[in-house]
Amino acid sequence: TEITKSFKLGEENYTTSKADIDWKKDKSLVIAGDENEDDGESIMQPGFFTWLASDEDPLNLGAQIANDIFPDAVSLFNSATSDDLNEEDISDLDEEDIEETDDDEEDAPASKKQKK
């Protein structure tokens, strides 16, 4: 069985054709099985086969995948948290690190043995 979804990109527009899949009764991976009581339409399961059977914007697929994997990634990247260090903390940390490094060098044992 071959399933094909085609995309045609022009200079200003694009079109997509959905792939029709003939599922066996009660074996569909696309329809959730429950119908919307208001209008009688089937509820679609999210997933690869739903994407094949849809006529949605094909160029929006990357954004959909990115949002599924890591929602709000850009806002998390751009936002500052309360745990961030300010300039004073950084300068204090640098001075403490320098002092610790000097202490470590003084405490180090001599590498050469002295002859008597």
PDB file of N, CA and C in Angstrom:
ATOM      1  N   THR A   1       0.838  -1.178   0.000  1.00  0.00           N
ATOM      2  CA  THR A   1       0.000   0.000   0.000  1.00  0.00           C
ATOM      3  C   THR A   1       0.880   1.238   0.000  1.00  0.00           C
ATOM      4  N   GLU A   2       0.538   2.181  -0.807  1.00  0.00           N
ATOM      5  CA  GLU A   2       1.291   3.428  -0.904  1.00  0.00           C
ATOM      6  C   GLU A   2       0.399   4.586  -0.511  1.00  0.00           C
ATOM      7  N   ILE A   3       0.907   5.444   0.365  1.00  0.00           N
ATOM      8  CA  ILE A   3       0.183   6.632   0.795  1.00  0.00           C
ATOM      9  C   ILE A   3       0.969   7.844   0.315  1.00  0.00           C
ATOM     10  N   THR A   4       0.298   8.763  -0.361  1.00  0.00           N
ATOM     11  CA  THR A   4       0.986   9.916  -0.925  1.00  0.00           C
ATOM     12  C   THR A   4       0.261  11.199  -0.551  1.00  0.00           C
ATOM     13  N   LYS A   5       1.030  12.172  -0.131  1.00  0.00           N
ATOM     14  CA  LYS A   5       0.517  13.523   0.090  1.00  0.00           C
ATOM     15  C   LYS A   5       1.399  14.430  -0.746  1.00  0.00           C
ATOM     16  N   SER A   6       0.797  15.222  -1.624  1.00  0.00           N
ATOM     17  CA  SER A   6       1.611  16.044  -2.519  1.00  0.00           C
ATOM     18  C   SER A   6       1.453  17.524  -2.195  1.00  0.00           C
ATOM     19  N   PHE A   7       2.527  18.252  -2.448  1.00  0.00           N
ATOM     20  CA  PHE A   7       2.575  19.689  -2.240  1.00  0.00           C
ATOM     21  C   PHE A   7       2.986  20.339  -3.553  1.00  0.00           C
ATOM     22  N   LYS A   8       2.307  21.416  -3.906  1.00  0.00           N
ATOM     23  CA  LYS A   8       2.674  22.169  -5.106  1.00  0.00           C
ATOM     24  C   LYS A   8       2.933  23.607  -4.678  1.00  0.00           C
ATOM     25  N   LEU A   9       4.185  24.017  -4.831  1.00  0.00           N
ATOM     26  CA  LEU A   9       4.577  25.360  -4.432  1.00  0.00           C
ATOM     27  C   LEU A   9       4.736  26.234  -5.661  1.00  0.00           C
ATOM     28  N   GLY A  10       4.038  27.350  -5.660  1.00  0.00           N
ATOM     29  CA  GLY A  10       4.179  28.328  -6.722  1.00  0.00           C
ATOM     30  C   GLY A  10       4.926  29.539  -6.185  1.00  0.00           C
ATOM     31  N   GLU A  11       5.004  30.584  -6.993  1.00  0.00           N
ATOM     32  CA  GLU A  11       5.710  31.779  -6.539  1.00  0.00           C
ATOM     33  C   GLU A  11       4.966  32.481  -5.414  1.00  0.00           C
ATOM     34  N   GLU A  12       3.647  32.519  -5.487  1.00  0.00           N
ATOM     35  CA  GLU A  12       2.878  33.238  -4.483  1.00  0.00           C
ATOM     36  C   GLU A  12       1.909  32.346  -3.712  1.00  0.00           C
ATOM     37  N   ASN A  13       1.683  31.161  -4.175  1.00  0.00           N
ATOM     38  CA  ASN A  13       0.728  30.294  -3.492  1.00  0.00           C
ATOM     39  C   ASN A  13       1.229  28.857  -3.466  1.00  0.00           C
ATOM     40  N   TYR A  14       0.585  28.075  -2.683  1.00  0.00           N
ATOM     41  CA  TYR A  14       0.902  26.655  -2.602  1.00  0.00           C
ATOM     42  C   TYR A  14      -0.383  25.892  -2.340  1.00  0.00           C
ATOM     43  N   THR A  15      -0.389  24.663  -2.763  1.00  0.00           N
ATOM     44  CA  THR A  15      -1.544  23.801  -2.535  1.00  0.00           C
ATOM     45  C   THR A  15      -1.054  22.457  -2.025  1.00  0.00           C
ATOM     46  N   THR A  16      -1.926  21.794  -1.352  1.00  0.00           N
ATOM     47  CA  THR A  16      -1.621  20.461  -0.851  1.00  0.00           C
ATOM     48  C   THR A  16      -2.812  19.562  -1.131  1.00  0.00           C
ATOM     49  N   SER A  17      -2.545  18.309  -1.369  1.00  0.00           N
ATOM     50  CA  SER A  17      -3.634  17.349  -1.536  1.00  0.00           C
ATOM     51  C   SER A  17      -3.515  16.311  -0.431  1.00  0.00           C
ATOM     52  N   LYS A  18      -4.631  16.009   0.164  1.00  0.00           N
ATOM     53  CA  LYS A  18      -4.594  15.062   1.275  1.00  0.00           C
ATOM     54  C   LYS A  18      -4.548  13.626   0.763  1.00  0.00           C
ATOM     55  N   ALA A  19      -4.055  12.759   1.590  1.00  0.00           N
ATOM     56  CA  ALA A  19      -3.989  11.335   1.255  1.00  0.00           C
ATOM     57  C   ALA A  19      -5.224  10.657   1.833  1.00  0.00           C
ATOM     58  N   ASP A  20      -5.951   9.955   0.988  1.00  0.00           N
ATOM     59  CA  ASP A  20      -7.129   9.226   1.457  1.00  0.00           C
ATOM     60  C   ASP A  20      -6.712   7.823   1.882  1.00  0.00           C
ATOM     61  N   ILE A  21      -7.027   7.485   3.113  1.00  0.00           N
ATOM     62  CA  ILE A  21      -6.686   6.170   3.647  1.00  0.00           C
ATOM     63  C   ILE A  21      -7.991   5.436   3.924  1.00  0.00           C
ATOM     64  N   ASP A  22      -8.130   4.252   3.370  1.00  0.00           N
ATOM     65  CA  ASP A  22      -9.319   3.434   3.604  1.00  0.00           C
ATOM     66  C   ASP A  22      -9.054   2.523   4.796  1.00  0.00           C
ATOM     67  N   TRP A  23      -9.534   2.952   5.956  1.00  0.00           N
ATOM     68  CA  TRP A  23      -9.321   2.183   7.183  1.00  0.00           C
ATOM     69  C   TRP A  23     -10.373   1.090   7.294  1.00  0.00           C
ATOM     70  N   LYS A  24     -10.006  -0.024   7.896  1.00  0.00           N
ATOM     71  CA  LYS A  24     -10.986  -1.060   8.208  1.00  0.00           C
ATOM     72  C   LYS A  24     -11.874  -0.543   9.331  1.00  0.00           C
ATOM     73  N   LYS A  25     -13.066  -1.122   9.432  1.00  0.00           N
ATOM     74  CA  LYS A  25     -14.035  -0.664  10.422  1.00  0.00           C
ATOM     75  C   LYS A  25     -13.437  -0.746  11.827  1.00  0.00           C
ATOM     76  N   ASP A  26     -13.559   0.333  12.579  1.00  0.00           N
ATOM     77  CA  ASP A  26     -13.083   0.458  13.962  1.00  0.00           C
ATOM     78  C   ASP A  26     -11.566   0.332  14.099  1.00  0.00           C
ATOM     79  N   LYS A  27     -10.799   0.512  13.038  1.00  0.00           N
ATOM     80  CA  LYS A  27      -9.333   0.414  13.096  1.00  0.00           C
ATOM     81  C   LYS A  27      -8.654   1.737  12.748  1.00  0.00           C
ATOM     82  N   SER A  28      -9.419   2.790  12.570  1.00  0.00           N
ATOM     83  CA  SER A  28      -8.864   4.078  12.166  1.00  0.00           C
ATOM     84  C   SER A  28      -7.979   4.673  13.252  1.00  0.00           C
ATOM     85  N   LEU A  29      -6.815   5.141  12.847  1.00  0.00           N
ATOM     86  CA  LEU A  29      -5.909   5.826  13.761  1.00  0.00           C
ATOM     87  C   LEU A  29      -6.108   7.336  13.708  1.00  0.00           C
ATOM     88  N   VAL A  30      -7.075   7.769  12.909  1.00  0.00           N
ATOM     89  CA  VAL A  30      -7.314   9.192  12.722  1.00  0.00           C
ATOM     90  C   VAL A  30      -8.481   9.674  13.562  1.00  0.00           C
ATOM     91  N   ILE A  31      -9.558   8.920  13.591  1.00  0.00           N
ATOM     92  CA  ILE A  31     -10.769   9.332  14.296  1.00  0.00           C
ATOM     93  C   ILE A  31     -10.763   8.738  15.698  1.00  0.00           C
ATOM     94  N   ALA A  32     -11.080   9.579  16.673  1.00  0.00           N
ATOM     95  CA  ALA A  32     -11.051   9.157  18.070  1.00  0.00           C
ATOM     96  C   ALA A  32     -12.183   8.198  18.408  1.00  0.00           C
ATOM     97  N   GLY A  33     -13.198   8.148  17.580  1.00  0.00           N
ATOM     98  CA  GLY A  33     -14.308   7.244  17.834  1.00  0.00           C
ATOM     99  C   GLY A  33     -15.506   7.958  18.421  1.00  0.00           C
ATOM    100  N   ASP A  34     -15.278   9.049  19.123  1.00  0.00           N
ATOM    101  CA  ASP A  34     -16.376   9.828  19.688  1.00  0.00           C
ATOM    102  C   ASP A  34     -16.775  10.899  18.692  1.00  0.00           C
ATOM    103  N   GLU A  35     -18.063  11.141  18.615  1.00  0.00           N
ATOM    104  CA  GLU A  35     -18.530  12.189  17.716  1.00  0.00           C
ATOM    105  C   GLU A  35     -18.923  13.399  18.536  1.00  0.00           C
ATOM    106  N   ASN A  36     -18.714  14.550  17.958  1.00  0.00           N
ATOM    107  CA  ASN A  36     -19.114  15.789  18.587  1.00  0.00           C
ATOM    108  C   ASN A  36     -20.635  15.831  18.574  1.00  0.00           C
ATOM    109  N   GLU A  37     -21.249  15.976  19.736  1.00  0.00           N
ATOM    110  CA  GLU A  37     -22.705  15.898  19.833  1.00  0.00           C
ATOM    111  C   GLU A  37     -23.392  17.073  19.145  1.00  0.00           C
ATOM    112  N   ASP A  38     -22.722  18.221  19.069  1.00  0.00           N
ATOM    113  CA  ASP A  38     -23.350  19.410  18.495  1.00  0.00           C
ATOM    114  C   ASP A  38     -23.582  19.286  16.997  1.00  0.00           C
ATOM    115  N   ASP A  39     -22.563  18.889  16.248  1.00  0.00           N
ATOM    116  CA  ASP A  39     -22.696  18.877  14.793  1.00  0.00           C
ATOM    117  C   ASP A  39     -22.477  17.502  14.171  1.00  0.00           C
ATOM    118  N   GLY A  40     -22.247  16.473  14.954  1.00  0.00           N
ATOM    119  CA  GLY A  40     -22.107  15.127  14.437  1.00  0.00           C
ATOM    120  C   GLY A  40     -20.785  14.835  13.758  1.00  0.00           C
ATOM    121  N   GLU A  41     -19.800  15.754  13.849  1.00  0.00           N
ATOM    122  CA  GLU A  41     -18.496  15.526  13.231  1.00  0.00           C
ATOM    123  C   GLU A  41     -17.619  14.677  14.145  1.00  0.00           C
ATOM    124  N   SER A  42     -16.757  13.899  13.536  1.00  0.00           N
ATOM    125  CA  SER A  42     -15.842  13.061  14.301  1.00  0.00           C
ATOM    126  C   SER A  42     -14.684  13.900  14.828  1.00  0.00           C
ATOM    127  N   ILE A  43     -14.211  13.543  16.002  1.00  0.00           N
ATOM    128  CA  ILE A  43     -13.069  14.225  16.600  1.00  0.00           C
ATOM    129  C   ILE A  43     -11.802  13.575  16.073  1.00  0.00           C
ATOM    130  N   MET A  44     -10.873  14.395  15.570  1.00  0.00           N
ATOM    131  CA  MET A  44      -9.643  13.883  14.976  1.00  0.00           C
ATOM    132  C   MET A  44      -8.561  13.730  16.045  1.00  0.00           C
ATOM    133  N   GLN A  45      -7.873  12.594  16.021  1.00  0.00           N
ATOM    134  CA  GLN A  45      -6.732  12.360  16.896  1.00  0.00           C
ATOM    135  C   GLN A  45      -5.530  13.104  16.329  1.00  0.00           C
ATOM    136  N   PRO A  46      -4.720  13.740  17.162  1.00  0.00           N
ATOM    137  CA  PRO A  46      -3.500  14.357  16.634  1.00  0.00           C
ATOM    138  C   PRO A  46      -2.481  13.288  16.274  1.00  0.00           C
ATOM    139  N   GLY A  47      -1.738  13.490  15.197  1.00  0.00           N
ATOM    140  CA  GLY A  47      -0.716  12.526  14.828  1.00  0.00           C
ATOM    141  C   GLY A  47      -0.384  12.550  13.350  1.00  0.00           C
ATOM    142  N   PHE A  48       0.493  11.647  12.951  1.00  0.00           N
ATOM    143  CA  PHE A  48       0.991  11.591  11.580  1.00  0.00           C
ATOM    144  C   PHE A  48      -0.124  11.294  10.583  1.00  0.00           C
ATOM    145  N   PHE A  49      -0.976  10.317  10.868  1.00  0.00           N
ATOM    146  CA  PHE A  49      -2.023   9.947   9.922  1.00  0.00           C
ATOM    147  C   PHE A  49      -3.077  11.042   9.803  1.00  0.00           C
ATOM    148  N   THR A  50      -3.312  11.775  10.879  1.00  0.00           N
ATOM    149  CA  THR A  50      -4.222  12.918  10.813  1.00  0.00           C
ATOM    150  C   THR A  50      -3.648  13.984   9.895  1.00  0.00           C
ATOM    151  N   TRP A  51      -2.342  14.217   9.987  1.00  0.00           N
ATOM    152  CA  TRP A  51      -1.678  15.191   9.122  1.00  0.00           C
ATOM    153  C   TRP A  51      -1.789  14.773   7.655  1.00  0.00           C
ATOM    154  N   LEU A  52      -1.623  13.476   7.380  1.00  0.00           N
ATOM    155  CA  LEU A  52      -1.752  12.993   6.004  1.00  0.00           C
ATOM    156  C   LEU A  52      -3.152  13.232   5.458  1.00  0.00           C
ATOM    157  N   ALA A  53      -4.157  13.079   6.298  1.00  0.00           N
ATOM    158  CA  ALA A  53      -5.543  13.175   5.856  1.00  0.00           C
ATOM    159  C   ALA A  53      -6.085  14.601   5.903  1.00  0.00           C
ATOM    160  N   SER A  54      -5.259  15.580   6.278  1.00  0.00           N
ATOM    161  CA  SER A  54      -5.748  16.953   6.402  1.00  0.00           C
ATOM    162  C   SER A  54      -5.287  17.821   5.237  1.00  0.00           C
ATOM    163  N   ASP A  55      -5.989  18.930   5.067  1.00  0.00           N
ATOM    164  CA  ASP A  55      -5.629  19.920   4.052  1.00  0.00           C
ATOM    165  C   ASP A  55      -5.046  21.171   4.700  1.00  0.00           C
ATOM    166  N   GLU A  56      -4.495  21.047   5.887  1.00  0.00           N
ATOM    167  CA  GLU A  56      -3.964  22.203   6.609  1.00  0.00           C
ATOM    168  C   GLU A  56      -2.755  22.794   5.904  1.00  0.00           C
ATOM    169  N   ASP A  57      -2.368  23.948   6.363  1.00  0.00           N
ATOM    170  CA  ASP A  57      -1.214  24.671   5.832  1.00  0.00           C
ATOM    171  C   ASP A  57       0.053  23.834   6.009  1.00  0.00           C
ATOM    172  N   PRO A  58       0.662  23.372   4.921  1.00  0.00           N
ATOM    173  CA  PRO A  58       1.840  22.515   5.045  1.00  0.00           C
ATOM    174  C   PRO A  58       3.073  23.249   5.552  1.00  0.00           C
ATOM    175  N   LEU A  59       3.121  24.557   5.374  1.00  0.00           N
ATOM    176  CA  LEU A  59       4.273  25.318   5.833  1.00  0.00           C
ATOM    177  C   LEU A  59       4.234  25.563   7.335  1.00  0.00           C
ATOM    178  N   ASN A  60       3.108  25.293   7.953  1.00  0.00           N
ATOM    179  CA  ASN A  60       2.960  25.484   9.391  1.00  0.00           C
ATOM    180  C   ASN A  60       3.388  24.240  10.169  1.00  0.00           C
ATOM    181  N   LEU A  61       3.757  23.182   9.494  1.00  0.00           N
ATOM    182  CA  LEU A  61       4.097  21.920  10.150  1.00  0.00           C
ATOM    183  C   LEU A  61       5.282  22.063  11.097  1.00  0.00           C
ATOM    184  N   GLY A  62       6.315  22.778  10.693  1.00  0.00           N
ATOM    185  CA  GLY A  62       7.494  22.952  11.543  1.00  0.00           C
ATOM    186  C   GLY A  62       7.151  23.637  12.850  1.00  0.00           C
ATOM    187  N   ALA A  63       6.333  24.656  12.791  1.00  0.00           N
ATOM    188  CA  ALA A  63       5.922  25.363  14.005  1.00  0.00           C
ATOM    189  C   ALA A  63       5.098  24.453  14.907  1.00  0.00           C
ATOM    190  N   GLN A  64       4.248  23.633  14.322  1.00  0.00           N
ATOM    191  CA  GLN A  64       3.450  22.704  15.117  1.00  0.00           C
ATOM    192  C   GLN A  64       4.332  21.697  15.839  1.00  0.00           C
ATOM    193  N   ILE A  65       5.310  21.148  15.138  1.00  0.00           N
ATOM    194  CA  ILE A  65       6.215  20.177  15.748  1.00  0.00           C
ATOM    195  C   ILE A  65       7.016  20.837  16.862  1.00  0.00           C
ATOM    196  N   ALA A  66       7.531  22.035  16.611  1.00  0.00           N
ATOM    197  CA  ALA A  66       8.321  22.744  17.622  1.00  0.00           C
ATOM    198  C   ALA A  66       7.487  23.023  18.864  1.00  0.00           C
ATOM    199  N   ASN A  67       6.236  23.418  18.699  1.00  0.00           N
ATOM    200  CA  ASN A  67       5.380  23.698  19.851  1.00  0.00           C
ATOM    201  C   ASN A  67       5.024  22.431  20.612  1.00  0.00           C
ATOM    202  N   ASP A  68       4.907  21.312  19.914  1.00  0.00           N
ATOM    203  CA  ASP A  68       4.628  20.053  20.599  1.00  0.00           C
ATOM    204  C   ASP A  68       5.825  19.599  21.418  1.00  0.00           C
ATOM    205  N   ILE A  69       7.028  19.778  20.878  1.00  0.00           N
ATOM    206  CA  ILE A  69       8.233  19.323  21.567  1.00  0.00           C
ATOM    207  C   ILE A  69       8.590  20.242  22.724  1.00  0.00           C
ATOM    208  N   PHE A  70       8.596  21.550  22.508  1.00  0.00           N
ATOM    209  CA  PHE A  70       9.000  22.492  23.547  1.00  0.00           C
ATOM    210  C   PHE A  70       8.123  23.739  23.466  1.00  0.00           C
ATOM    211  N   PRO A  71       6.948  23.699  24.104  1.00  0.00           N
ATOM    212  CA  PRO A  71       6.052  24.848  24.036  1.00  0.00           C
ATOM    213  C   PRO A  71       6.672  26.080  24.700  1.00  0.00           C
ATOM    214  N   ASP A  72       6.435  27.230  24.155  1.00  0.00           N
ATOM    215  CA  ASP A  72       6.916  28.511  24.682  1.00  0.00           C
ATOM    216  C   ASP A  72       8.431  28.575  24.804  1.00  0.00           C
ATOM    217  N   ALA A  73       9.152  27.942  23.903  1.00  0.00           N
ATOM    218  CA  ALA A  73      10.616  27.921  23.966  1.00  0.00           C
ATOM    219  C   ALA A  73      11.197  29.321  23.836  1.00  0.00           C
ATOM    220  N   VAL A  74      10.668  30.124  22.941  1.00  0.00           N
ATOM    221  CA  VAL A  74      11.213  31.463  22.727  1.00  0.00           C
ATOM    222  C   VAL A  74      10.984  32.336  23.949  1.00  0.00           C
ATOM    223  N   SER A  75       9.794  32.285  24.529  1.00  0.00           N
ATOM    224  CA  SER A  75       9.531  33.116  25.704  1.00  0.00           C
ATOM    225  C   SER A  75      10.380  32.669  26.892  1.00  0.00           C
ATOM    226  N   LEU A  76      10.614  31.372  27.022  1.00  0.00           N
ATOM    227  CA  LEU A  76      11.494  30.906  28.091  1.00  0.00           C
ATOM    228  C   LEU A  76      12.929  31.351  27.859  1.00  0.00           C
ATOM    229  N   PHE A  77      13.352  31.351  26.616  1.00  0.00           N
ATOM    230  CA  PHE A  77      14.709  31.782  26.281  1.00  0.00           C
ATOM    231  C   PHE A  77      14.891  33.268  26.560  1.00  0.00           C
ATOM    232  N   ASN A  78      13.893  34.065  26.230  1.00  0.00           N
ATOM    233  CA  ASN A  78      14.007  35.517  26.366  1.00  0.00           C
ATOM    234  C   ASN A  78      13.725  36.029  27.772  1.00  0.00           C
ATOM    235  N   SER A  79      13.035  35.283  28.590  1.00  0.00           N
ATOM    236  CA  SER A  79      12.656  35.785  29.908  1.00  0.00           C
ATOM    237  C   SER A  79      13.798  35.635  30.901  1.00  0.00           C
ATOM    238  N   ALA A  80      13.865  36.578  31.803  1.00  0.00           N
ATOM    239  CA  ALA A  80      14.874  36.529  32.870  1.00  0.00           C
ATOM    240  C   ALA A  80      14.213  35.928  34.104  1.00  0.00           C
ATOM    241  N   THR A  81      14.928  35.086  34.808  1.00  0.00           N
ATOM    242  CA  THR A  81      14.388  34.469  36.013  1.00  0.00           C
ATOM    243  C   THR A  81      14.948  35.155  37.243  1.00  0.00           C
ATOM    244  N   SER A  82      14.361  34.919  38.366  1.00  0.00           N
ATOM    245  CA  SER A  82      14.832  35.532  39.608  1.00  0.00           C
ATOM    246  C   SER A  82      16.142  34.915  40.075  1.00  0.00           C
ATOM    247  N   ASP A  83      16.526  33.779  39.521  1.00  0.00           N
ATOM    248  CA  ASP A  83      17.771  33.122  39.906  1.00  0.00           C
ATOM    249  C   ASP A  83      18.989  33.713  39.208  1.00  0.00           C
ATOM    250  N   ASP A  84      18.778  34.572  38.226  1.00  0.00           N
ATOM    251  CA  ASP A  84      19.908  35.152  37.496  1.00  0.00           C
ATOM    252  C   ASP A  84      20.747  36.013  38.427  1.00  0.00           C
ATOM    253  N   LEU A  85      22.035  36.010  38.212  1.00  0.00           N
ATOM    254  CA  LEU A  85      22.946  36.816  39.010  1.00  0.00           C
ATOM    255  C   LEU A  85      23.015  38.227  38.442  1.00  0.00           C
ATOM    256  N   ASN A  86      23.082  39.218  39.342  1.00  0.00           N
ATOM    257  CA  ASN A  86      23.293  40.578  38.855  1.00  0.00           C
ATOM    258  C   ASN A  86      24.787  40.877  38.840  1.00  0.00           C
ATOM    259  N   GLU A  87      25.166  42.082  38.417  1.00  0.00           N
ATOM    260  CA  GLU A  87      26.582  42.419  38.260  1.00  0.00           C
ATOM    261  C   GLU A  87      27.337  42.365  39.583  1.00  0.00           C
ATOM    262  N   GLU A  88      26.699  42.779  40.691  1.00  0.00           N
ATOM    263  CA  GLU A  88      27.367  42.747  41.996  1.00  0.00           C
ATOM    264  C   GLU A  88      27.682  41.311  42.404  1.00  0.00           C
ATOM    265  N   ASP A  89      26.738  40.409  42.176  1.00  0.00           N
ATOM    266  CA  ASP A  89      26.968  39.006  42.521  1.00  0.00           C
ATOM    267  C   ASP A  89      28.119  38.434  41.712  1.00  0.00           C
ATOM    268  N   ILE A  90      28.200  38.805  40.454  1.00  0.00           N
ATOM    269  CA  ILE A  90      29.265  38.293  39.594  1.00  0.00           C
ATOM    270  C   ILE A  90      30.616  38.812  40.063  1.00  0.00           C
ATOM    271  N   SER A  91      30.709  40.123  40.417  1.00  0.00           N
ATOM    272  CA  SER A  91      31.993  40.665  40.873  1.00  0.00           C
ATOM    273  C   SER A  91      32.378  40.055  42.218  1.00  0.00           C
ATOM    274  N   ASP A  92      31.415  39.834  43.120  1.00  0.00           N
ATOM    275  CA  ASP A  92      31.713  39.176  44.400  1.00  0.00           C
ATOM    276  C   ASP A  92      32.191  37.751  44.171  1.00  0.00           C
ATOM    277  N   LEU A  93      31.553  37.064  43.274  1.00  0.00           N
ATOM    278  CA  LEU A  93      31.922  35.687  42.982  1.00  0.00           C
ATOM    279  C   LEU A  93      33.333  35.616  42.423  1.00  0.00           C
ATOM    280  N   ASP A  94      33.675  36.547  41.556  1.00  0.00           N
ATOM    281  CA  ASP A  94      35.020  36.560  40.989  1.00  0.00           C
ATOM    282  C   ASP A  94      36.073  36.761  42.069  1.00  0.00           C
ATOM    283  N   GLU A  95      35.839  37.681  43.005  1.00  0.00           N
ATOM    284  CA  GLU A  95      36.800  37.934  44.081  1.00  0.00           C
ATOM    285  C   GLU A  95      36.942  36.708  44.978  1.00  0.00           C
ATOM    286  N   GLU A  96      35.829  36.054  45.295  1.00  0.00           N
ATOM    287  CA  GLU A  96      35.876  34.850  46.131  1.00  0.00           C
ATOM    288  C   GLU A  96      36.634  33.737  45.426  1.00  0.00           C
ATOM    289  N   ASP A  97      36.404  33.584  44.151  1.00  0.00           N
ATOM    290  CA  ASP A  97      37.105  32.544  43.399  1.00  0.00           C
ATOM    291  C   ASP A  97      38.602  32.793  43.386  1.00  0.00           C
ATOM    292  N   ILE A  98      38.992  34.062  43.242  1.00  0.00           N
ATOM    293  CA  ILE A  98      40.419  34.399  43.228  1.00  0.00           C
ATOM    294  C   ILE A  98      41.046  34.076  44.579  1.00  0.00           C
ATOM    295  N   GLU A  99      40.354  34.415  45.679  1.00  0.00           N
ATOM    296  CA  GLU A  99      40.875  34.132  47.019  1.00  0.00           C
ATOM    297  C   GLU A  99      41.020  32.634  47.239  1.00  0.00           C
ATOM    298  N   GLU A 100      40.034  31.847  46.804  1.00  0.00           N
ATOM    299  CA  GLU A 100      40.107  30.393  46.968  1.00  0.00           C
ATOM    300  C   GLU A 100      41.266  29.816  46.178  1.00  0.00           C
ATOM    301  N   THR A 101      41.514  30.333  45.007  1.00  0.00           N
ATOM    302  CA  THR A 101      42.618  29.853  44.182  1.00  0.00           C
ATOM    303  C   THR A 101      43.951  30.144  44.855  1.00  0.00           C
ATOM    304  N   ASP A 102      44.117  31.328  45.453  1.00  0.00           N
ATOM    305  CA  ASP A 102      45.350  31.682  46.157  1.00  0.00           C
ATOM    306  C   ASP A 102      45.561  30.777  47.361  1.00  0.00           C
ATOM    307  N   ASP A 103      44.493  30.484  48.115  1.00  0.00           N
ATOM    308  CA  ASP A 103      44.597  29.616  49.289  1.00  0.00           C
ATOM    309  C   ASP A 103      45.005  28.209  48.889  1.00  0.00           C
ATOM    310  N   ASP A 104      44.480  27.713  47.798  1.00  0.00           N
ATOM    311  CA  ASP A 104      44.808  26.366  47.334  1.00  0.00           C
ATOM    312  C   ASP A 104      46.283  26.256  46.979  1.00  0.00           C
ATOM    313  N   GLU A 105      46.845  27.297  46.384  1.00  0.00           N
ATOM    314  CA  GLU A 105      48.256  27.267  45.993  1.00  0.00           C
ATOM    315  C   GLU A 105      49.167  27.273  47.212  1.00  0.00           C
ATOM    316  N   GLU A 106      48.781  27.992  48.281  1.00  0.00           N
ATOM    317  CA  GLU A 106      49.599  28.050  49.493  1.00  0.00           C
ATOM    318  C   GLU A 106      49.566  26.722  50.233  1.00  0.00           C
ATOM    319  N   ASP A 107      48.437  26.034  50.229  1.00  0.00           N
ATOM    320  CA  ASP A 107      48.284  24.774  50.951  1.00  0.00           C
ATOM    321  C   ASP A 107      48.900  23.596  50.220  1.00  0.00           C
ATOM    322  N   ALA A 108      49.276  23.754  48.991  1.00  0.00           N
ATOM    323  CA  ALA A 108      49.803  22.641  48.201  1.00  0.00           C
ATOM    324  C   ALA A 108      51.161  22.210  48.745  1.00  0.00           C
ATOM    325  N   PRO A 109      51.406  20.885  48.868  1.00  0.00           N
ATOM    326  CA  PRO A 109      52.698  20.411  49.373  1.00  0.00           C
ATOM    327  C   PRO A 109      53.797  20.664  48.353  1.00  0.00           C
ATOM    328  N   ALA A 110      55.015  20.736  48.862  1.00  0.00           N
ATOM    329  CA  ALA A 110      56.156  20.964  47.979  1.00  0.00           C
ATOM    330  C   ALA A 110      56.330  19.755  47.087  1.00  0.00           C
ATOM    331  N   SER A 111      56.647  19.989  45.836  1.00  0.00           N
ATOM    332  CA  SER A 111      56.756  18.890  44.895  1.00  0.00           C
ATOM    333  C   SER A 111      58.129  18.236  44.922  1.00  0.00           C
ATOM    334  N   LYS A 112      59.157  18.950  45.397  1.00  0.00           N
ATOM    335  CA  LYS A 112      60.505  18.382  45.445  1.00  0.00           C
ATOM    336  C   LYS A 112      60.881  18.101  46.890  1.00  0.00           C
ATOM    337  N   LYS A 113      61.551  16.985  47.101  1.00  0.00           N
ATOM    338  CA  LYS A 113      62.028  16.660  48.438  1.00  0.00           C
ATOM    339  C   LYS A 113      63.374  17.335  48.655  1.00  0.00           C
ATOM    340  N   GLN A 114      63.565  17.808  49.856  1.00  0.00           N
ATOM    341  CA  GLN A 114      64.837  18.453  50.171  1.00  0.00           C
ATOM    342  C   GLN A 114      65.817  17.414  50.683  1.00  0.00           C
ATOM    343  N   LYS A 115      67.071  17.552  50.290  1.00  0.00           N
ATOM    344  CA  LYS A 115      68.118  16.638  50.749  1.00  0.00           C
ATOM    345  C   LYS A 115      68.712  17.170  52.038  1.00  0.00           C
ATOM    346  N   LYS A 116      69.054  16.264  52.944  1.00  0.00           N
ATOM    347  CA  LYS A 116      69.651  16.659  54.216  1.00  0.00           C
ATOM    348  C   LYS A 116      71.126  16.465  54.231  1.00  0.00           C
TER     349      LYS A 116
END
